[in-house]
N, C-alpha and C. Protein backbone atom coordinates (compact mmCIF):
# COMPACT_ATOMS: atom_id res chain seq x y z
N MET A 1 -17.73 9.36 -22.03
CA MET A 1 -17.40 8.05 -21.50
C MET A 1 -17.31 7.08 -22.66
N SER A 2 -16.20 6.35 -22.71
CA SER A 2 -16.05 5.36 -23.77
C SER A 2 -16.82 4.09 -23.39
N GLU A 3 -16.98 3.24 -24.37
CA GLU A 3 -17.70 1.99 -24.18
C GLU A 3 -16.90 1.07 -23.25
N LEU A 4 -17.57 0.53 -22.24
CA LEU A 4 -16.91 -0.39 -21.32
C LEU A 4 -16.92 -1.81 -21.88
N SER A 5 -15.91 -2.58 -21.52
CA SER A 5 -15.88 -3.98 -21.90
C SER A 5 -17.00 -4.71 -21.16
N PRO A 6 -17.38 -5.90 -21.62
CA PRO A 6 -18.42 -6.64 -20.91
C PRO A 6 -18.08 -6.90 -19.44
N ALA A 7 -16.82 -7.17 -19.14
CA ALA A 7 -16.44 -7.41 -17.75
C ALA A 7 -16.60 -6.16 -16.90
N ALA A 8 -16.15 -5.02 -17.41
CA ALA A 8 -16.28 -3.77 -16.67
C ALA A 8 -17.75 -3.37 -16.54
N GLN A 9 -18.55 -3.62 -17.58
CA GLN A 9 -19.98 -3.33 -17.51
C GLN A 9 -20.64 -4.17 -16.42
N ALA A 10 -20.29 -5.43 -16.34
CA ALA A 10 -20.87 -6.32 -15.33
C ALA A 10 -20.55 -5.83 -13.92
N VAL A 11 -19.30 -5.43 -13.70
CA VAL A 11 -18.91 -4.93 -12.38
C VAL A 11 -19.67 -3.64 -12.07
N PHE A 12 -19.71 -2.73 -13.03
CA PHE A 12 -20.40 -1.46 -12.81
C PHE A 12 -21.88 -1.68 -12.55
N HIS A 13 -22.53 -2.52 -13.35
CA HIS A 13 -23.97 -2.75 -13.17
C HIS A 13 -24.27 -3.43 -11.84
N ALA A 14 -23.41 -4.35 -11.42
CA ALA A 14 -23.61 -4.99 -10.12
C ALA A 14 -23.51 -3.96 -9.00
N PHE A 15 -22.52 -3.10 -9.09
CA PHE A 15 -22.34 -2.03 -8.10
C PHE A 15 -23.54 -1.07 -8.11
N ASN A 16 -23.88 -0.63 -9.30
CA ASN A 16 -24.94 0.37 -9.42
C ASN A 16 -26.30 -0.19 -9.02
N SER A 17 -26.52 -1.49 -9.18
CA SER A 17 -27.80 -2.07 -8.79
C SER A 17 -28.02 -1.99 -7.28
N LYS A 18 -26.92 -1.90 -6.53
CA LYS A 18 -27.02 -1.79 -5.07
C LYS A 18 -27.07 -0.34 -4.60
N PHE A 19 -26.39 0.56 -5.32
CA PHE A 19 -26.26 1.93 -4.85
C PHE A 19 -26.95 2.96 -5.72
N ASP A 20 -27.19 2.64 -7.00
CA ASP A 20 -27.90 3.53 -7.92
C ASP A 20 -27.31 4.95 -7.90
N TRP A 21 -26.02 5.04 -8.16
CA TRP A 21 -25.33 6.33 -8.13
C TRP A 21 -25.29 7.05 -9.47
N VAL A 22 -25.82 6.45 -10.52
CA VAL A 22 -25.78 7.10 -11.83
C VAL A 22 -26.90 8.13 -11.89
N GLU A 23 -26.52 9.37 -12.16
CA GLU A 23 -27.50 10.44 -12.29
C GLU A 23 -27.60 10.83 -13.76
N ASP A 24 -28.80 10.84 -14.28
CA ASP A 24 -29.04 11.20 -15.68
C ASP A 24 -28.22 10.34 -16.64
N GLY A 25 -27.99 9.10 -16.28
CA GLY A 25 -27.27 8.18 -17.16
C GLY A 25 -25.78 8.41 -17.24
N VAL A 26 -25.23 9.33 -16.43
CA VAL A 26 -23.81 9.64 -16.49
C VAL A 26 -23.13 9.18 -15.20
N PRO A 27 -22.25 8.18 -15.29
CA PRO A 27 -21.57 7.73 -14.09
C PRO A 27 -20.59 8.79 -13.59
N GLY A 28 -20.42 8.85 -12.31
CA GLY A 28 -19.53 9.84 -11.72
C GLY A 28 -18.31 9.20 -11.09
N PRO A 29 -17.89 9.72 -9.96
CA PRO A 29 -16.64 9.28 -9.34
C PRO A 29 -16.68 7.86 -8.79
N GLN A 30 -17.83 7.20 -8.84
CA GLN A 30 -17.88 5.83 -8.32
C GLN A 30 -16.99 4.88 -9.11
N PHE A 31 -16.64 5.22 -10.35
CA PHE A 31 -15.71 4.36 -11.10
C PHE A 31 -14.40 4.22 -10.34
N ASN A 32 -13.89 5.31 -9.79
CA ASN A 32 -12.65 5.24 -9.02
C ASN A 32 -12.83 4.43 -7.75
N SER A 33 -14.00 4.53 -7.13
CA SER A 33 -14.27 3.76 -5.92
C SER A 33 -14.31 2.26 -6.23
N ILE A 34 -14.97 1.92 -7.32
CA ILE A 34 -15.05 0.51 -7.72
C ILE A 34 -13.64 0.00 -8.04
N ALA A 35 -12.88 0.77 -8.79
CA ALA A 35 -11.52 0.38 -9.17
C ALA A 35 -10.66 0.18 -7.92
N ALA A 36 -10.77 1.07 -6.96
CA ALA A 36 -9.99 0.95 -5.73
C ALA A 36 -10.36 -0.32 -4.98
N ALA A 37 -11.65 -0.62 -4.92
CA ALA A 37 -12.08 -1.84 -4.23
C ALA A 37 -11.56 -3.09 -4.95
N LEU A 38 -11.58 -3.08 -6.28
CA LEU A 38 -11.05 -4.22 -7.04
C LEU A 38 -9.55 -4.39 -6.81
N ARG A 39 -8.83 -3.28 -6.76
CA ARG A 39 -7.38 -3.36 -6.53
C ARG A 39 -7.06 -3.93 -5.15
N VAL A 40 -7.80 -3.52 -4.14
CA VAL A 40 -7.58 -4.05 -2.79
C VAL A 40 -7.91 -5.53 -2.76
N ALA A 41 -9.02 -5.91 -3.39
CA ALA A 41 -9.40 -7.33 -3.41
C ALA A 41 -8.33 -8.17 -4.11
N ALA A 42 -7.81 -7.68 -5.24
CA ALA A 42 -6.77 -8.40 -5.96
C ALA A 42 -5.49 -8.50 -5.13
N ASP A 43 -5.13 -7.40 -4.48
CA ASP A 43 -3.93 -7.40 -3.66
C ASP A 43 -4.05 -8.37 -2.49
N GLN A 44 -5.20 -8.39 -1.85
CA GLN A 44 -5.40 -9.25 -0.68
C GLN A 44 -5.49 -10.72 -1.06
N SER A 45 -5.87 -11.01 -2.30
CA SER A 45 -5.98 -12.41 -2.71
C SER A 45 -4.80 -12.89 -3.52
N HIS A 46 -3.78 -12.05 -3.66
CA HIS A 46 -2.58 -12.42 -4.42
C HIS A 46 -1.88 -13.60 -3.75
N PRO A 47 -1.31 -14.52 -4.54
CA PRO A 47 -0.63 -15.69 -3.96
C PRO A 47 0.46 -15.32 -2.95
N LYS A 48 1.14 -14.20 -3.17
CA LYS A 48 2.23 -13.84 -2.25
C LYS A 48 1.72 -13.63 -0.83
N ALA A 49 0.44 -13.32 -0.69
CA ALA A 49 -0.15 -13.11 0.63
C ALA A 49 -0.60 -14.42 1.28
N HIS A 50 -0.59 -15.51 0.50
CA HIS A 50 -1.13 -16.77 1.01
C HIS A 50 -0.17 -17.95 0.94
N ILE A 51 0.82 -17.87 0.09
CA ILE A 51 1.71 -19.01 -0.10
C ILE A 51 3.14 -18.56 0.17
N GLU A 52 3.71 -19.04 1.27
CA GLU A 52 5.06 -18.62 1.64
C GLU A 52 6.12 -19.31 0.77
N ASP A 53 5.99 -20.60 0.58
CA ASP A 53 6.99 -21.35 -0.18
C ASP A 53 6.26 -22.35 -1.06
N ILE A 54 6.26 -22.10 -2.35
CA ILE A 54 5.53 -22.96 -3.28
C ILE A 54 6.49 -23.89 -4.00
N ASP A 55 6.12 -25.14 -4.09
CA ASP A 55 6.91 -26.13 -4.81
C ASP A 55 6.71 -25.91 -6.30
N TYR A 56 7.72 -26.17 -7.10
CA TYR A 56 7.66 -25.96 -8.54
C TYR A 56 6.47 -26.69 -9.17
N VAL A 57 6.09 -27.84 -8.64
CA VAL A 57 4.99 -28.63 -9.18
C VAL A 57 3.70 -27.81 -9.21
N HIS A 58 3.56 -26.90 -8.29
CA HIS A 58 2.34 -26.12 -8.19
C HIS A 58 2.46 -24.74 -8.84
N GLN A 59 3.55 -24.48 -9.54
CA GLN A 59 3.76 -23.15 -10.13
C GLN A 59 2.68 -22.80 -11.15
N SER A 60 2.19 -23.78 -11.91
CA SER A 60 1.16 -23.47 -12.90
C SER A 60 -0.12 -23.00 -12.20
N TYR A 61 -0.40 -23.54 -11.03
CA TYR A 61 -1.55 -23.08 -10.25
C TYR A 61 -1.38 -21.61 -9.86
N VAL A 62 -0.20 -21.26 -9.38
CA VAL A 62 0.07 -19.88 -8.99
C VAL A 62 0.02 -18.96 -10.21
N ASP A 63 0.56 -19.41 -11.33
CA ASP A 63 0.52 -18.61 -12.56
C ASP A 63 -0.92 -18.35 -12.99
N GLY A 64 -1.78 -19.36 -12.90
CA GLY A 64 -3.19 -19.19 -13.25
C GLY A 64 -3.87 -18.22 -12.30
N TRP A 65 -3.53 -18.30 -11.04
CA TRP A 65 -4.07 -17.40 -10.02
C TRP A 65 -3.70 -15.95 -10.36
N LYS A 66 -2.42 -15.75 -10.70
CA LYS A 66 -1.97 -14.40 -11.07
C LYS A 66 -2.65 -13.91 -12.34
N ASP A 67 -2.86 -14.80 -13.30
CA ASP A 67 -3.55 -14.41 -14.54
C ASP A 67 -4.97 -13.94 -14.24
N ALA A 68 -5.66 -14.62 -13.34
CA ALA A 68 -7.02 -14.22 -12.96
C ALA A 68 -7.00 -12.85 -12.30
N LEU A 69 -6.03 -12.61 -11.44
CA LEU A 69 -5.92 -11.30 -10.79
C LEU A 69 -5.61 -10.21 -11.81
N ASP A 70 -4.83 -10.54 -12.84
CA ASP A 70 -4.54 -9.55 -13.89
C ASP A 70 -5.80 -9.12 -14.62
N VAL A 71 -6.74 -10.03 -14.81
CA VAL A 71 -8.02 -9.69 -15.45
C VAL A 71 -8.78 -8.70 -14.56
N ILE A 72 -8.80 -8.96 -13.25
CA ILE A 72 -9.48 -8.05 -12.32
C ILE A 72 -8.81 -6.68 -12.33
N LEU A 73 -7.50 -6.65 -12.35
CA LEU A 73 -6.79 -5.38 -12.38
C LEU A 73 -7.00 -4.64 -13.69
N ALA A 74 -7.17 -5.37 -14.79
CA ALA A 74 -7.46 -4.73 -16.08
C ALA A 74 -8.82 -4.04 -16.05
N VAL A 75 -9.79 -4.66 -15.39
CA VAL A 75 -11.11 -4.02 -15.24
C VAL A 75 -10.97 -2.77 -14.39
N ALA A 76 -10.18 -2.83 -13.33
CA ALA A 76 -9.94 -1.65 -12.49
C ALA A 76 -9.30 -0.53 -13.31
N ASP A 77 -8.33 -0.87 -14.14
CA ASP A 77 -7.68 0.13 -15.01
C ASP A 77 -8.72 0.79 -15.93
N GLU A 78 -9.57 -0.04 -16.51
CA GLU A 78 -10.58 0.46 -17.44
C GLU A 78 -11.55 1.41 -16.74
N LEU A 79 -11.98 1.03 -15.55
CA LEU A 79 -12.92 1.88 -14.82
C LEU A 79 -12.27 3.19 -14.39
N GLU A 80 -11.00 3.14 -13.98
CA GLU A 80 -10.28 4.36 -13.60
C GLU A 80 -10.11 5.31 -14.77
N ALA A 81 -10.01 4.76 -15.96
CA ALA A 81 -9.79 5.59 -17.16
C ALA A 81 -11.05 6.36 -17.58
N GLN A 82 -12.17 6.04 -16.99
CA GLN A 82 -13.44 6.70 -17.37
C GLN A 82 -13.49 8.11 -16.83
């Protein structure tokens, strides 16, 4: 297992503190479960699911929203790669 980024570590530790699925210090298939949950959360909170017609004035808000979701998806990618 490669070293996780601080963001991925935080997500994994939060998950593991509730379920304690790590055996002998080696994480198992829960990385894929966490990644899948993050992907669904990002998909469900995407602006396209909430804003039908956005005025150009608010485009920077939508762009920031998408950037935040990209960070979540990057953590999901990292966890899936484990």
